[in-house]
Every structure is written in structure tokens, then in C-alpha cells.
Amino acid sequence: MWNIIKIASAFIGIIVGAGFASGQEVLQYFTSFGYMGTVAAVVATALFAYLGMMLTWLGSRTGTHSHKSVIYQISGRHIGRIVDGIIIFTLFGVGVVMIAGAGSTLNQQFGLPAYVGSIVMTLMMGATLMLDVRRVVALIGSITPFLVLALALICVYSLSTMERSFAELAPIAEGIDSTLPHWLVSAVNYVSFNIAVGAAMALVMRGAEPNANIARWGGLLGGAGVGVLIMISHLAMFSQVDQVAGYALPLLKIIDGISPLLAKGMAFVLFGMIFSTGASMFYAFVARFTRMQTAAANRFSIVTLLVAFIASFAGFTQLVALFYPLIGYLGLFLVLALIYAPFRLKRSSAIQTLQPITDN
């Protein structure tokens, strides 16, 4: 049971990064649709649970050290190239957004120049990339409980102090700019984006778990947990949308209303969640091209993080608004491949004969 919880916590930690933990993602993808944003959160929860289960199960069955081999196996050679390219693009791009988010967090809460937080985050990620995957998973998962506690506190506070009814707040919420045309498209796009974000590291981390059933239940629990956190975050911001809609970090603004001291504590939790997602993105990115814990991997990591740090100056809010929906549409290739994976594997009798495979 403990191993299942560890997997679930790590999966949540990978998915929940700067955009989610700050509230910016949920605000744009769910709260901007008012009442229907709640329905979208339910749809997203179901999809996350199934796809999380599939990812961790596949990683465990193949014992993979990189996402490449599994993606080609479930997608075929031609579609596999497309999905592999999308994941590579996603890993690096989201890593850049995490570095930018670290800068925004320290800037909003402590008034520090954005580049200070970005430099600190880049150095932390660089140190993490030199660790064994099991230690990376444990580090990522250890931060998750603090986020769950913080979001529960924010939601209770928001609902108990809301000054307007949801009927009055709905038009305000629906007036928030969103690049998504419909609540259902938004829900599917959000899941697709996050699965594209989490797929590579979820496969790699569960390649270290030999028990496929443990991996599967861990992925299911983790996916459902992400959905629950979406709902909590959405309700918290929906009930205070007239106060937080204009902020880059709306959840941090809500907790600042509870206590400035708690807001400072939340800033560190948020910083930790940014780190967990960013570190997992760059770890999986480097693992795609080199063998981890080698001199070549260390050199590749330094170059990657340097380029990412420079790219992060594009700005956090702008990157979330433009980059995330694009990944969501591209990630549909991966979502469809995962949905089809059990049928493809069964047809080829791979479920009975699947052996650990070599990553090249």
C-alpha cells in the first residue's frame, strides 16, 4: 500500500507544477467557464485516472529507462515518431515555464527580481538531474502532501468567506479570457496537455517498479488525486473570482487574504511544486538522449538548463496562455495511443510475452 501511495504522490507531483499550483491553469481551463467548469473538472478526473493507470502500468511492464521504447511499441513506428517528438517538445517547453514560474512566485510574494527565482530554480534542477531516478521520485512525491493541505485550506476559506452567490460570480468568471472555445474541449485539452507533460517521467519512474499491479493502482490513485485537486482549486477560485481574476498567481492571492504569513509559507510550497514538475521534465528530457548519471548526461543537463533559463524570460503568464493549449492539442496523439494501447498489446499477445526492453 505504501508503494502505491508513493507512486500516486509522485505522479501528482509531476503533473502539478507552476501553472496548477499557482491557480493560473485552473483559472483559464475551468473557472473561466463558470458552472460548466465544474462539469469539466469531473470529466478531467475520469480521464486522468484511466490514463495515469495506463502510463504507470506500461512503464512497469517494460522496465523502461526512457519513454521512447514504450511510445514506439504502443504507437507504431510512424505515429511513434510524432508522439516522441511531441513529448520531447513538451518536456523542454514545460521545463522553461517552470523556471519562469519560479521567478514570478518570488517576485509577487517577496518583491525579488524575477531572475533571482529563476536562477535558484535552475540550480536546484541541475543538482537533481545528477540523482538516481528513485531518489528523484521520492523527492517529488514528498512535496505533494503540503500542496494537498494548502489547497484544502484555501478551498474551505474561500467557500466560507465568499460574499456573492455563484450565480452572481458566474458572469465574472465567464468574462475571463481563455484560448479554449468550449468547456468540454478545455477539459480534454487540459488532460491531454498534462498527460503529454507527465508521460515521459511517469514511464521512467515506474520502470523502476517491477510490480505492475502496484504501478497500475498507483497511477489510478494519482490520476484521480489530480482530478480532486482540480475540483478543489476550481471551487476556491470560482468563489473568489471577483477578487483574483487579474492576478498571475490567484491561489497565492487568496491565501494572502487569510494571513500574509501563510502566504509566505504557500509561496514556498508553490516553489516546491514548481521544482517537482520542472525537475521531472528535464530529467525525462535528458534521459531521452543520454544515459543518466554519466558524464555525458551531466554535460547535456548543463547545456539544456542554460538554454531553458534564457528562454524563460518570455514570461510566465504569457507562456501558460499560449504554450499550454498548443501542447494540449498535440498531446491528443498520445492520449489516443494510450487508450488504444491495451487493444494493440492484446492483439499482438504482448500482454503475456512483454519483456523488459532496451532503450536506444
Protein backbone atom coordinates (compact mmCIF):
# COMPACT_ATOMS: atom_id res chain seq x y z
CA MET A 1 0.00 0.00 0.00
CA TRP A 2 2.84 2.38 0.86
CA ASN A 3 4.40 1.87 -2.59
CA ILE A 4 1.05 2.69 -4.22
CA ILE A 5 0.82 5.92 -2.24
CA LYS A 6 4.41 6.84 -3.17
CA ILE A 7 3.67 6.33 -6.85
CA ALA A 8 0.43 8.33 -6.61
CA SER A 9 2.17 11.19 -4.79
CA ALA A 10 4.99 11.28 -7.32
CA PHE A 11 2.51 11.24 -10.23
CA ILE A 12 0.62 14.19 -8.72
CA GLY A 13 3.91 15.98 -8.11
CA ILE A 14 4.89 15.61 -11.77
CA ILE A 15 1.56 16.93 -13.06
CA VAL A 16 1.05 19.73 -10.54
CA GLY A 17 3.56 22.43 -11.39
CA ALA A 18 3.70 26.21 -11.56
CA GLY A 19 0.55 26.68 -13.63
CA PHE A 20 -1.64 24.42 -11.49
CA ALA A 21 -0.30 25.21 -8.03
CA SER A 22 -0.50 28.93 -8.73
CA GLY A 23 -4.11 28.61 -9.92
CA GLN A 24 -3.36 30.07 -13.35
CA GLU A 25 -4.05 26.82 -15.26
CA VAL A 26 -7.30 26.02 -13.47
CA LEU A 27 -8.46 29.63 -13.82
CA GLN A 28 -8.06 29.53 -17.60
CA TYR A 29 -9.15 25.94 -18.26
CA PHE A 30 -12.03 25.53 -15.79
CA THR A 31 -13.08 28.60 -13.80
CA SER A 32 -13.39 30.72 -16.96
CA PHE A 33 -16.39 28.53 -17.92
CA GLY A 34 -18.29 29.20 -14.69
CA TYR A 35 -20.74 26.44 -13.76
CA MET A 36 -19.68 24.24 -16.68
CA GLY A 37 -16.12 24.43 -15.44
CA THR A 38 -17.25 22.18 -12.59
CA VAL A 39 -18.56 19.60 -15.06
CA ALA A 40 -15.29 19.89 -16.98
CA ALA A 41 -13.41 19.08 -13.76
CA VAL A 42 -15.43 15.84 -13.36
CA VAL A 43 -14.64 14.80 -16.95
CA ALA A 44 -10.96 15.58 -16.40
CA THR A 45 -10.87 13.47 -13.22
CA ALA A 46 -12.15 10.36 -15.01
CA LEU A 47 -9.67 10.77 -17.87
CA PHE A 48 -6.74 11.41 -15.53
CA ALA A 49 -7.50 8.27 -13.51
CA TYR A 50 -7.56 5.98 -16.56
CA LEU A 51 -4.59 7.50 -18.37
CA GLY A 52 -2.49 7.66 -15.19
CA MET A 53 -3.13 3.97 -14.65
CA MET A 54 -2.10 3.14 -18.23
CA LEU A 55 1.12 5.14 -18.05
CA THR A 56 2.43 3.64 -14.83
CA TRP A 57 1.37 0.11 -15.85
CA LEU A 58 3.20 0.36 -19.17
CA GLY A 59 6.30 1.73 -17.50
CA SER A 60 6.38 -1.14 -15.03
CA ARG A 61 5.74 -3.87 -17.64
CA THR A 62 8.58 -2.71 -19.86
CA GLY A 63 11.12 -1.65 -17.22
CA THR A 64 11.99 1.32 -19.43
CA HIS A 65 14.70 3.93 -18.78
CA SER A 66 13.25 6.34 -21.36
CA HIS A 67 9.80 6.97 -22.82
CA LYS A 68 10.99 6.28 -26.37
CA SER A 69 10.74 2.49 -26.42
CA VAL A 70 7.25 2.35 -24.90
CA ILE A 71 5.88 5.08 -27.18
CA TYR A 72 7.07 3.27 -30.29
CA GLN A 73 5.65 -0.01 -29.01
CA ILE A 74 2.13 1.31 -28.38
CA SER A 75 2.01 3.76 -31.29
CA GLY A 76 3.86 2.05 -34.10
CA ARG A 77 6.86 3.38 -35.99
CA HIS A 78 5.23 6.28 -37.85
CA ILE A 79 2.84 7.62 -35.20
CA GLY A 80 5.53 6.85 -32.63
CA ARG A 81 7.84 9.40 -34.25
CA ILE A 82 5.13 12.06 -33.98
CA VAL A 83 4.32 11.27 -30.34
CA ASP A 84 8.02 11.07 -29.43
CA GLY A 85 8.61 14.49 -30.99
CA ILE A 86 5.61 15.98 -29.16
CA ILE A 87 6.86 14.64 -25.82
CA ILE A 88 10.38 15.98 -26.39
CA PHE A 89 8.95 19.39 -27.28
CA THR A 90 6.66 19.29 -24.24
CA LEU A 91 9.36 18.27 -21.75
CA PHE A 92 11.63 21.13 -22.66
CA GLY A 93 8.85 23.70 -23.07
CA VAL A 94 7.17 22.97 -19.73
CA GLY A 95 10.56 22.98 -18.03
CA VAL A 96 11.04 26.52 -19.34
CA VAL A 97 7.61 27.53 -17.97
CA MET A 98 8.55 26.13 -14.54
CA ILE A 99 11.72 28.26 -14.44
CA ALA A 100 9.65 31.32 -15.39
CA GLY A 101 7.04 30.41 -12.74
CA ALA A 102 9.72 30.27 -10.04
CA GLY A 103 10.70 33.82 -10.92
CA SER A 104 7.08 35.03 -10.81
CA THR A 105 6.47 33.39 -7.42
CA LEU A 106 9.32 35.12 -5.61
CA ASN A 107 8.58 38.35 -7.43
CA GLN A 108 4.89 38.50 -6.44
CA GLN A 109 5.33 37.37 -2.84
CA PHE A 110 8.72 38.80 -1.85
CA GLY A 111 9.32 41.54 -4.42
CA LEU A 112 12.55 39.95 -5.67
CA PRO A 113 13.58 40.38 -9.31
CA ALA A 114 12.15 37.55 -11.39
CA TYR A 115 15.58 36.37 -12.49
CA VAL A 116 16.54 35.59 -8.87
CA GLY A 117 13.88 32.89 -8.50
CA SER A 118 14.69 31.56 -11.97
CA ILE A 119 18.38 31.24 -11.15
CA VAL A 120 17.69 29.45 -7.85
CA MET A 121 15.27 27.04 -9.56
CA THR A 122 17.71 26.32 -12.39
CA LEU A 123 20.49 25.46 -9.94
CA MET A 124 18.18 23.20 -7.89
CA MET A 125 17.09 21.35 -11.02
CA GLY A 126 20.70 20.96 -12.14
CA ALA A 127 21.62 19.26 -8.86
CA THR A 128 18.59 16.96 -9.06
CA LEU A 129 19.42 15.73 -12.56
CA MET A 130 22.51 14.02 -11.14
CA LEU A 131 20.48 11.83 -8.77
CA ASP A 132 19.20 8.27 -9.21
CA VAL A 133 15.62 8.06 -10.51
CA ARG A 134 14.38 6.50 -7.24
CA ARG A 135 15.65 9.47 -5.26
CA VAL A 136 14.09 11.88 -7.75
CA VAL A 137 10.72 10.11 -7.39
CA ALA A 138 10.93 10.22 -3.58
CA LEU A 139 11.85 13.91 -3.64
CA ILE A 140 8.97 14.81 -5.98
CA GLY A 141 6.42 12.78 -4.01
CA SER A 142 7.45 14.27 -0.64
CA ILE A 143 6.25 17.74 -1.65
CA THR A 144 2.72 16.67 -2.68
CA PRO A 145 1.13 16.37 0.82
CA PHE A 146 1.93 20.02 1.55
CA LEU A 147 0.08 21.11 -1.60
CA VAL A 148 -2.97 18.96 -0.76
CA LEU A 149 -3.15 20.51 2.72
CA ALA A 150 -2.71 24.04 1.37
CA LEU A 151 -5.40 23.63 -1.30
CA ALA A 152 -7.88 22.16 1.21
CA LEU A 153 -7.30 25.17 3.50
CA ILE A 154 -7.72 27.62 0.62
CA CYS A 155 -10.95 25.96 -0.55
CA VAL A 156 -12.55 25.95 2.92
CA TYR A 157 -11.60 29.59 3.46
CA SER A 158 -12.83 30.69 0.02
CA LEU A 159 -16.21 28.99 0.30
CA SER A 160 -16.80 30.21 3.87
CA THR A 161 -15.93 33.84 3.10
CA MET A 162 -17.49 34.29 -0.35
CA GLU A 163 -19.53 37.48 -0.44
CA ARG A 164 -21.53 36.78 -3.61
CA SER A 165 -23.50 33.78 -4.82
CA PHE A 166 -22.18 31.58 -7.62
CA ALA A 167 -24.97 32.94 -9.81
CA GLU A 168 -23.52 36.44 -9.40
CA LEU A 169 -19.95 35.24 -9.85
CA ALA A 170 -20.60 33.13 -12.97
CA PRO A 171 -20.69 36.10 -15.41
CA ILE A 172 -17.43 37.40 -13.93
CA ALA A 173 -15.81 34.00 -14.32
CA GLU A 174 -17.05 33.64 -17.88
CA GLY A 175 -15.54 37.03 -18.68
CA ILE A 176 -12.01 35.73 -18.06
CA ASP A 177 -10.01 35.42 -21.27
CA SER A 178 -9.44 31.84 -22.38
CA THR A 179 -7.97 30.47 -25.58
CA LEU A 180 -10.27 27.41 -25.34
CA PRO A 181 -13.63 27.58 -27.18
CA HIS A 182 -15.79 25.19 -25.08
CA TRP A 183 -15.73 23.62 -21.61
CA LEU A 184 -15.51 20.05 -22.97
CA VAL A 185 -12.71 20.95 -25.36
CA SER A 186 -11.00 22.66 -22.45
CA ALA A 187 -11.27 19.58 -20.19
CA VAL A 188 -9.92 17.21 -22.85
CA ASN A 189 -7.20 19.68 -23.83
CA TYR A 190 -6.11 20.06 -20.22
CA VAL A 191 -5.88 16.31 -19.67
CA SER A 192 -4.10 15.87 -22.99
CA PHE A 193 -1.61 18.58 -22.10
CA ASN A 194 -0.86 17.17 -18.66
CA ILE A 195 -0.55 13.60 -19.90
CA ALA A 196 1.93 14.84 -22.50
CA VAL A 197 3.73 16.61 -19.64
CA GLY A 198 3.71 13.64 -17.26
CA ALA A 199 4.01 10.71 -19.65
CA ALA A 200 7.76 10.54 -20.01
CA MET A 201 8.61 10.78 -16.31
CA ALA A 202 5.68 8.55 -15.29
CA LEU A 203 7.01 5.85 -17.63
CA VAL A 204 10.59 6.27 -16.42
CA MET A 205 9.77 6.30 -12.71
CA ARG A 206 7.60 3.22 -12.94
CA GLY A 207 10.22 1.43 -14.97
CA ALA A 208 11.86 1.15 -11.55
CA GLU A 209 8.76 -0.63 -10.08
CA PRO A 210 8.72 -4.36 -11.04
CA ASN A 211 5.20 -5.00 -9.72
CA ALA A 212 2.79 -3.98 -12.49
CA ASN A 213 -0.27 -4.09 -10.21
CA ILE A 214 1.30 -1.69 -7.71
CA ALA A 215 2.28 0.63 -10.55
CA ARG A 216 -1.22 0.47 -12.05
CA TRP A 217 -3.04 1.25 -8.79
CA GLY A 218 -0.56 4.00 -8.03
CA GLY A 219 -1.25 5.61 -11.40
CA LEU A 220 -5.02 5.27 -10.93
CA LEU A 221 -4.91 6.85 -7.47
CA GLY A 222 -2.55 9.58 -8.66
CA GLY A 223 -4.72 10.44 -11.65
CA ALA A 224 -7.85 10.59 -9.51
CA GLY A 225 -5.95 12.71 -6.99
CA VAL A 226 -5.07 15.23 -9.69
CA GLY A 227 -8.78 15.45 -10.57
CA VAL A 228 -9.78 16.07 -6.95
CA LEU A 229 -7.18 18.83 -6.66
CA ILE A 230 -8.56 20.42 -9.85
CA MET A 231 -12.05 20.47 -8.33
CA ILE A 232 -10.84 21.95 -5.03
CA SER A 233 -8.79 24.60 -6.80
CA HIS A 234 -11.65 25.48 -9.17
CA LEU A 235 -14.21 25.89 -6.38
CA ALA A 236 -11.78 28.03 -4.37
CA MET A 237 -11.20 30.43 -7.25
CA PHE A 238 -14.80 30.39 -8.51
CA SER A 239 -15.99 31.55 -5.09
CA GLN A 240 -13.45 34.41 -5.08
CA VAL A 241 -13.16 35.08 -8.80
CA ASP A 242 -14.10 38.74 -8.43
CA GLN A 243 -11.00 39.20 -6.25
CA VAL A 244 -8.36 37.09 -8.00
CA ALA A 245 -9.07 37.10 -11.74
CA GLY A 246 -6.41 39.68 -12.55
CA TYR A 247 -3.51 38.03 -10.69
CA ALA A 248 -0.78 35.82 -12.20
CA LEU A 249 -0.89 33.63 -9.05
CA PRO A 250 -4.57 33.69 -7.98
CA LEU A 251 -4.34 30.97 -5.31
CA LEU A 252 -1.50 32.81 -3.65
CA LYS A 253 -3.68 35.94 -3.61
CA ILE A 254 -6.48 34.04 -1.82
CA ILE A 255 -4.20 32.71 0.90
CA ASP A 256 -2.70 36.18 1.33
CA GLY A 257 -6.21 37.21 2.44
CA ILE A 258 -6.11 34.57 5.18
CA SER A 259 -2.71 35.60 6.51
CA PRO A 260 0.37 37.22 4.96
CA LEU A 261 2.47 34.74 6.97
CA LEU A 262 0.58 31.79 5.49
CA ALA A 263 1.01 33.34 2.04
CA LYS A 264 4.76 33.29 2.53
CA GLY A 265 4.54 29.64 3.53
CA MET A 266 2.38 28.91 0.48
CA ALA A 267 4.96 30.61 -1.71
CA PHE A 268 7.50 28.02 -0.58
CA VAL A 269 5.01 25.18 -1.23
CA LEU A 270 4.37 26.60 -4.68
CA PHE A 271 8.10 26.90 -5.28
CA GLY A 272 8.43 23.24 -4.29
CA MET A 273 5.72 22.14 -6.71
CA ILE A 274 7.35 24.15 -9.48
CA PHE A 275 10.58 22.35 -8.68
CA SER A 276 8.94 18.90 -8.69
CA THR A 277 7.46 19.35 -12.15
CA GLY A 278 10.44 21.16 -13.62
CA ALA A 279 12.95 18.62 -12.33
CA SER A 280 10.89 15.73 -13.69
CA MET A 281 10.57 17.43 -17.09
CA PHE A 282 14.29 17.98 -17.51
CA TYR A 283 15.16 14.56 -16.04
CA ALA A 284 12.97 12.80 -18.61
CA PHE A 285 14.24 15.12 -21.37
CA VAL A 286 17.89 14.34 -20.66
CA ALA A 287 17.11 10.61 -20.19
CA ARG A 288 15.63 10.57 -23.70
CA PHE A 289 19.01 11.40 -25.22
CA THR A 290 21.63 10.12 -22.77
CA ARG A 291 22.13 7.53 -20.03
CA MET A 292 21.56 9.23 -16.69
CA GLN A 293 24.31 9.58 -14.07
CA THR A 294 27.07 9.70 -16.67
CA ALA A 295 29.47 12.48 -17.64
CA ALA A 296 27.63 12.89 -20.97
CA ALA A 297 24.30 13.30 -19.15
CA ASN A 298 25.77 15.93 -16.82
CA ARG A 299 27.14 17.96 -19.73
CA PHE A 300 23.86 17.67 -21.63
CA SER A 301 21.96 18.76 -18.50
CA ILE A 302 24.05 21.91 -18.08
CA VAL A 303 23.54 22.98 -21.70
CA THR A 304 19.80 22.21 -21.55
CA LEU A 305 19.23 24.21 -18.36
CA LEU A 306 21.25 27.16 -19.65
CA VAL A 307 19.13 27.38 -22.81
CA ALA A 308 15.93 26.92 -20.77
CA PHE A 309 16.90 29.70 -18.35
CA ILE A 310 17.39 32.14 -21.23
CA ALA A 311 14.06 31.10 -22.82
CA SER A 312 12.20 31.62 -19.51
CA PHE A 313 12.44 35.40 -19.87
CA ALA A 314 9.46 35.23 -22.26
CA GLY A 315 7.25 35.50 -19.12
CA PHE A 316 5.17 33.07 -17.05
CA THR A 317 1.57 34.13 -17.77
CA GLN A 318 2.22 34.50 -21.50
CA LEU A 319 3.85 31.08 -21.70
CA VAL A 320 0.92 29.40 -19.90
CA ALA A 321 -1.70 31.06 -22.10
CA LEU A 322 -0.03 30.34 -25.44
CA PHE A 323 2.11 27.26 -24.91
CA TYR A 324 -0.16 25.01 -22.83
CA PRO A 325 -3.19 24.81 -25.18
CA LEU A 326 -0.85 24.05 -28.10
CA ILE A 327 0.64 21.11 -26.21
CA GLY A 328 -2.88 20.00 -25.31
CA TYR A 329 -3.90 19.69 -28.96
CA LEU A 330 -0.65 17.96 -29.91
CA GLY A 331 -0.93 15.64 -26.91
CA LEU A 332 -4.15 14.11 -28.29
CA PHE A 333 -1.91 11.79 -30.33
CA LEU A 334 -0.53 10.38 -27.07
CA VAL A 335 -3.95 10.16 -25.37
CA LEU A 336 -5.39 8.19 -28.28
CA ALA A 337 -2.32 5.91 -28.29
CA LEU A 338 -2.78 5.19 -24.57
CA ILE A 339 -6.49 4.48 -24.97
CA TYR A 340 -5.73 2.09 -27.81
CA ALA A 341 -2.67 0.53 -26.11
CA PRO A 342 -4.45 -2.39 -24.32
CA PHE A 343 -6.14 -3.46 -27.55
CA ARG A 344 -2.89 -3.20 -29.54
CA LEU A 345 -0.95 -5.17 -26.93
CA LYS A 346 -3.64 -7.81 -26.61
CA ARG A 347 -3.87 -8.26 -30.35
CA SER A 348 -0.14 -8.90 -30.59
CA SER A 349 -0.17 -11.09 -27.43
CA ALA A 350 2.20 -8.60 -25.85
CA ILE A 351 0.42 -8.69 -22.51
CA GLN A 352 1.60 -12.27 -21.97
CA THR A 353 5.04 -12.01 -23.56
CA LEU A 354 6.16 -8.41 -22.91
CA GLN A 355 9.74 -8.37 -21.65
CA PRO A 356 11.94 -5.51 -20.42
CA ILE A 357 13.28 -3.71 -23.47
CA THR A 358 16.44 -1.80 -24.20
CA ASP A 359 16.31 1.97 -24.74
CA ASN A 360 18.44 3.25 -27.55
